[in-house]
Amino acid sequence: MRGVARWYSAINGGQDYQRYVDHLRRTHPGCPIPTERQYWRDRYAEAERNPTTRCC
């Protein structure tokens, strides 16, 4: 069951925020880290501005 949950999470971008935070801490240590909520807002806004990144 855990494997299915991990698979579903990966498909829906479940680890994306944590990877982004890790990236910011590693490569931009002085940069403010957005909240998870703000991260997803920005990500969806970017997808709306650039619809070519979608599959449909």
PDB file of N, CA and C in Angstrom:
ATOM      1  N   MET A   1       0.817  -1.196   0.000  1.00  0.00           N
ATOM      2  CA  MET A   1       0.000   0.000   0.000  1.00  0.00           C
ATOM      3  C   MET A   1       0.867   1.268   0.000  1.00  0.00           C
ATOM      4  N   ARG A   2       1.981   1.241   0.741  1.00  0.00           N
ATOM      5  CA  ARG A   2       2.860   2.415   0.776  1.00  0.00           C
ATOM      6  C   ARG A   2       3.446   2.711  -0.588  1.00  0.00           C
ATOM      7  N   GLY A   3       3.759   1.648  -1.320  1.00  0.00           N
ATOM      8  CA  GLY A   3       4.301   1.828  -2.664  1.00  0.00           C
ATOM      9  C   GLY A   3       3.326   2.544  -3.571  1.00  0.00           C
ATOM     10  N   VAL A   4       2.053   2.189  -3.469  1.00  0.00           N
ATOM     11  CA  VAL A   4       1.022   2.842  -4.274  1.00  0.00           C
ATOM     12  C   VAL A   4       0.908   4.306  -3.873  1.00  0.00           C
ATOM     13  N   ALA A   5       0.960   4.589  -2.587  1.00  0.00           N
ATOM     14  CA  ALA A   5       0.876   5.974  -2.107  1.00  0.00           C
ATOM     15  C   ALA A   5       2.068   6.788  -2.610  1.00  0.00           C
ATOM     16  N   ARG A   6       3.268   6.220  -2.564  1.00  0.00           N
ATOM     17  CA  ARG A   6       4.457   6.920  -3.069  1.00  0.00           C
ATOM     18  C   ARG A   6       4.363   7.163  -4.570  1.00  0.00           C
ATOM     19  N   TRP A   7       3.882   6.181  -5.298  1.00  0.00           N
ATOM     20  CA  TRP A   7       3.722   6.307  -6.741  1.00  0.00           C
ATOM     21  C   TRP A   7       2.736   7.424  -7.065  1.00  0.00           C
ATOM     22  N   TYR A   8       1.604   7.438  -6.387  1.00  0.00           N
ATOM     23  CA  TYR A   8       0.588   8.463  -6.612  1.00  0.00           C
ATOM     24  C   TYR A   8       1.132   9.848  -6.266  1.00  0.00           C
ATOM     25  N   SER A   9       1.850   9.940  -5.173  1.00  0.00           N
ATOM     26  CA  SER A   9       2.445  11.208  -4.759  1.00  0.00           C
ATOM     27  C   SER A   9       3.447  11.707  -5.792  1.00  0.00           C
ATOM     28  N   ALA A  10       4.255  10.811  -6.323  1.00  0.00           N
ATOM     29  CA  ALA A  10       5.259  11.189  -7.318  1.00  0.00           C
ATOM     30  C   ALA A  10       4.604  11.705  -8.594  1.00  0.00           C
ATOM     31  N   ILE A  11       3.532  11.081  -9.015  1.00  0.00           N
ATOM     32  CA  ILE A  11       2.829  11.510 -10.224  1.00  0.00           C
ATOM     33  C   ILE A  11       2.239  12.904 -10.036  1.00  0.00           C
ATOM     34  N   ASN A  12       1.760  13.194  -8.846  1.00  0.00           N
ATOM     35  CA  ASN A  12       1.126  14.479  -8.578  1.00  0.00           C
ATOM     36  C   ASN A  12       2.102  15.539  -8.074  1.00  0.00           C
ATOM     37  N   GLY A  13       3.384  15.273  -8.113  1.00  0.00           N
ATOM     38  CA  GLY A  13       4.369  16.261  -7.710  1.00  0.00           C
ATOM     39  C   GLY A  13       4.546  16.375  -6.213  1.00  0.00           C
ATOM     40  N   GLY A  14       4.327  15.308  -5.491  1.00  0.00           N
ATOM     41  CA  GLY A  14       4.386  15.318  -4.037  1.00  0.00           C
ATOM     42  C   GLY A  14       5.721  15.732  -3.452  1.00  0.00           C
ATOM     43  N   GLN A  15       6.817  15.455  -4.128  1.00  0.00           N
ATOM     44  CA  GLN A  15       8.143  15.805  -3.607  1.00  0.00           C
ATOM     45  C   GLN A  15       8.707  17.074  -4.240  1.00  0.00           C
ATOM     46  N   ASP A  16       7.969  17.699  -5.123  1.00  0.00           N
ATOM     47  CA  ASP A  16       8.488  18.865  -5.839  1.00  0.00           C
ATOM     48  C   ASP A  16       8.844  20.015  -4.908  1.00  0.00           C
ATOM     49  N   TYR A  17       7.992  20.302  -3.954  1.00  0.00           N
ATOM     50  CA  TYR A  17       8.261  21.416  -3.042  1.00  0.00           C
ATOM     51  C   TYR A  17       9.529  21.159  -2.238  1.00  0.00           C
ATOM     52  N   GLN A  18       9.677  19.969  -1.698  1.00  0.00           N
ATOM     53  CA  GLN A  18      10.856  19.659  -0.894  1.00  0.00           C
ATOM     54  C   GLN A  18      12.136  19.726  -1.731  1.00  0.00           C
ATOM     55  N   ARG A  19      12.066  19.253  -2.959  1.00  0.00           N
ATOM     56  CA  ARG A  19      13.227  19.357  -3.852  1.00  0.00           C
ATOM     57  C   ARG A  19      13.565  20.814  -4.137  1.00  0.00           C
ATOM     58  N   TYR A  20      12.533  21.644  -4.309  1.00  0.00           N
ATOM     59  CA  TYR A  20      12.746  23.063  -4.559  1.00  0.00           C
ATOM     60  C   TYR A  20      13.400  23.732  -3.353  1.00  0.00           C
ATOM     61  N   VAL A  21      12.925  23.418  -2.161  1.00  0.00           N
ATOM     62  CA  VAL A  21      13.507  23.967  -0.937  1.00  0.00           C
ATOM     63  C   VAL A  21      14.964  23.527  -0.816  1.00  0.00           C
ATOM     64  N   ASP A  22      15.241  22.266  -1.060  1.00  0.00           N
ATOM     65  CA  ASP A  22      16.621  21.767  -1.008  1.00  0.00           C
ATOM     66  C   ASP A  22      17.507  22.503  -2.006  1.00  0.00           C
ATOM     67  N   HIS A  23      16.975  22.721  -3.203  1.00  0.00           N
ATOM     68  CA  HIS A  23      17.720  23.448  -4.229  1.00  0.00           C
ATOM     69  C   HIS A  23      18.025  24.877  -3.770  1.00  0.00           C
ATOM     70  N   LEU A  24      17.016  25.568  -3.231  1.00  0.00           N
ATOM     71  CA  LEU A  24      17.238  26.934  -2.762  1.00  0.00           C
ATOM     72  C   LEU A  24      18.286  26.986  -1.663  1.00  0.00           C
ATOM     73  N   ARG A  25      18.204  26.084  -0.724  1.00  0.00           N
ATOM     74  CA  ARG A  25      19.169  26.078   0.380  1.00  0.00           C
ATOM     75  C   ARG A  25      20.583  25.791  -0.107  1.00  0.00           C
ATOM     76  N   ARG A  26      20.694  24.930  -1.101  1.00  0.00           N
ATOM     77  CA  ARG A  26      22.004  24.524  -1.601  1.00  0.00           C
ATOM     78  C   ARG A  26      22.625  25.585  -2.509  1.00  0.00           C
ATOM     79  N   THR A  27      21.841  26.142  -3.425  1.00  0.00           N
ATOM     80  CA  THR A  27      22.405  27.038  -4.432  1.00  0.00           C
ATOM     81  C   THR A  27      22.135  28.516  -4.192  1.00  0.00           C
ATOM     82  N   HIS A  28      21.141  28.850  -3.380  1.00  0.00           N
ATOM     83  CA  HIS A  28      20.791  30.237  -3.087  1.00  0.00           C
ATOM     84  C   HIS A  28      20.551  30.392  -1.586  1.00  0.00           C
ATOM     85  N   PRO A  29      21.589  30.239  -0.773  1.00  0.00           N
ATOM     86  CA  PRO A  29      21.398  30.208   0.683  1.00  0.00           C
ATOM     87  C   PRO A  29      20.788  31.475   1.283  1.00  0.00           C
ATOM     88  N   GLY A  30      20.924  32.627   0.657  1.00  0.00           N
ATOM     89  CA  GLY A  30      20.367  33.854   1.208  1.00  0.00           C
ATOM     90  C   GLY A  30      18.935  34.135   0.773  1.00  0.00           C
ATOM     91  N   CYS A  31      18.433  33.342  -0.155  1.00  0.00           N
ATOM     92  CA  CYS A  31      17.093  33.545  -0.712  1.00  0.00           C
ATOM     93  C   CYS A  31      16.012  33.145   0.297  1.00  0.00           C
ATOM     94  N   PRO A  32      14.944  33.925   0.389  1.00  0.00           N
ATOM     95  CA  PRO A  32      13.840  33.503   1.255  1.00  0.00           C
ATOM     96  C   PRO A  32      13.140  32.264   0.668  1.00  0.00           C
ATOM     97  N   ILE A  33      12.715  31.379   1.532  1.00  0.00           N
ATOM     98  CA  ILE A  33      12.044  30.153   1.096  1.00  0.00           C
ATOM     99  C   ILE A  33      10.536  30.375   1.187  1.00  0.00           C
ATOM    100  N   PRO A  34       9.834  30.213   0.061  1.00  0.00           N
ATOM    101  CA  PRO A  34       8.388  30.418   0.095  1.00  0.00           C
ATOM    102  C   PRO A  34       7.689  29.294   0.859  1.00  0.00           C
ATOM    103  N   THR A  35       6.507  29.593   1.326  1.00  0.00           N
ATOM    104  CA  THR A  35       5.710  28.542   1.953  1.00  0.00           C
ATOM    105  C   THR A  35       5.297  27.552   0.878  1.00  0.00           C
ATOM    106  N   GLU A  36       4.873  26.393   1.301  1.00  0.00           N
ATOM    107  CA  GLU A  36       4.434  25.401   0.324  1.00  0.00           C
ATOM    108  C   GLU A  36       3.226  25.920  -0.459  1.00  0.00           C
ATOM    109  N   ARG A  37       2.360  26.603   0.224  1.00  0.00           N
ATOM    110  CA  ARG A  37       1.175  27.161  -0.438  1.00  0.00           C
ATOM    111  C   ARG A  37       1.573  28.155  -1.531  1.00  0.00           C
ATOM    112  N   GLN A  38       2.516  29.039  -1.212  1.00  0.00           N
ATOM    113  CA  GLN A  38       2.969  30.015  -2.198  1.00  0.00           C
ATOM    114  C   GLN A  38       3.688  29.338  -3.357  1.00  0.00           C
ATOM    115  N   TYR A  39       4.459  28.299  -3.050  1.00  0.00           N
ATOM    116  CA  TYR A  39       5.142  27.552  -4.104  1.00  0.00           C
ATOM    117  C   TYR A  39       4.134  27.021  -5.117  1.00  0.00           C
ATOM    118  N   TRP A  40       3.062  26.387  -4.652  1.00  0.00           N
ATOM    119  CA  TRP A  40       2.076  25.817  -5.571  1.00  0.00           C
ATOM    120  C   TRP A  40       1.317  26.900  -6.321  1.00  0.00           C
ATOM    121  N   ARG A  41       1.026  28.020  -5.659  1.00  0.00           N
ATOM    122  CA  ARG A  41       0.362  29.131  -6.360  1.00  0.00           C
ATOM    123  C   ARG A  41       1.225  29.612  -7.515  1.00  0.00           C
ATOM    124  N   ASP A  42       2.511  29.823  -7.237  1.00  0.00           N
ATOM    125  CA  ASP A  42       3.434  30.286  -8.273  1.00  0.00           C
ATOM    126  C   ASP A  42       3.566  29.263  -9.392  1.00  0.00           C
ATOM    127  N   ARG A  43       3.616  28.007  -9.019  1.00  0.00           N
ATOM    128  CA  ARG A  43       3.765  26.950 -10.030  1.00  0.00           C
ATOM    129  C   ARG A  43       2.549  26.885 -10.955  1.00  0.00           C
ATOM    130  N   TYR A  44       1.354  26.950 -10.383  1.00  0.00           N
ATOM    131  CA  TYR A  44       0.144  26.912 -11.214  1.00  0.00           C
ATOM    132  C   TYR A  44      -0.009  28.188 -12.035  1.00  0.00           C
ATOM    133  N   ALA A  45       0.394  29.331 -11.486  1.00  0.00           N
ATOM    134  CA  ALA A  45       0.338  30.585 -12.245  1.00  0.00           C
ATOM    135  C   ALA A  45       1.276  30.507 -13.446  1.00  0.00           C
ATOM    136  N   GLU A  46       2.455  29.944 -13.240  1.00  0.00           N
ATOM    137  CA  GLU A  46       3.409  29.771 -14.339  1.00  0.00           C
ATOM    138  C   GLU A  46       2.844  28.832 -15.411  1.00  0.00           C
ATOM    139  N   ALA A  47       2.171  27.787 -14.991  1.00  0.00           N
ATOM    140  CA  ALA A  47       1.568  26.857 -15.953  1.00  0.00           C
ATOM    141  C   ALA A  47       0.468  27.551 -16.762  1.00  0.00           C
ATOM    142  N   GLU A  48      -0.244  28.478 -16.148  1.00  0.00           N
ATOM    143  CA  GLU A  48      -1.271  29.226 -16.869  1.00  0.00           C
ATOM    144  C   GLU A  48      -0.642  30.196 -17.871  1.00  0.00           C
ATOM    145  N   ARG A  49       0.478  30.795 -17.499  1.00  0.00           N
ATOM    146  CA  ARG A  49       1.159  31.726 -18.399  1.00  0.00           C
ATOM    147  C   ARG A  49       1.819  31.004 -19.569  1.00  0.00           C
ATOM    148  N   ASN A  50       2.251  29.774 -19.345  1.00  0.00           N
ATOM    149  CA  ASN A  50       2.947  28.991 -20.383  1.00  0.00           C
ATOM    150  C   ASN A  50       2.224  27.663 -20.613  1.00  0.00           C
ATOM    151  N   PRO A  51       1.104  27.696 -21.299  1.00  0.00           N
ATOM    152  CA  PRO A  51       0.307  26.472 -21.475  1.00  0.00           C
ATOM    153  C   PRO A  51       0.977  25.411 -22.353  1.00  0.00           C
ATOM    154  N   THR A  52       2.088  25.717 -22.960  1.00  0.00           N
ATOM    155  CA  THR A  52       2.746  24.722 -23.813  1.00  0.00           C
ATOM    156  C   THR A  52       3.372  23.603 -23.007  1.00  0.00           C
ATOM    157  N   THR A  53       3.516  23.782 -21.689  1.00  0.00           N
ATOM    158  CA  THR A  53       4.117  22.732 -20.878  1.00  0.00           C
ATOM    159  C   THR A  53       3.112  21.641 -20.514  1.00  0.00           C
ATOM    160  N   ARG A  54       1.878  21.819 -20.862  1.00  0.00           N
ATOM    161  CA  ARG A  54       0.854  20.805 -20.565  1.00  0.00           C
ATOM    162  C   ARG A  54       0.775  19.750 -21.646  1.00  0.00           C
ATOM    163  N   CYS A  55       0.240  18.620 -21.288  1.00  0.00           N
ATOM    164  CA  CYS A  55       0.105  17.559 -22.289  1.00  0.00           C
ATOM    165  C   CYS A  55      -1.177  17.718 -23.100  1.00  0.00           C
ATOM    166  N   CYS A  56      -2.177  18.417 -22.564  1.00  0.00           N
ATOM    167  CA  CYS A  56      -3.481  18.505 -23.255  1.00  0.00           C
ATOM    168  C   CYS A  56      -3.890  19.932 -23.512  1.00  0.00           C
TER     169      CYS A  56
END
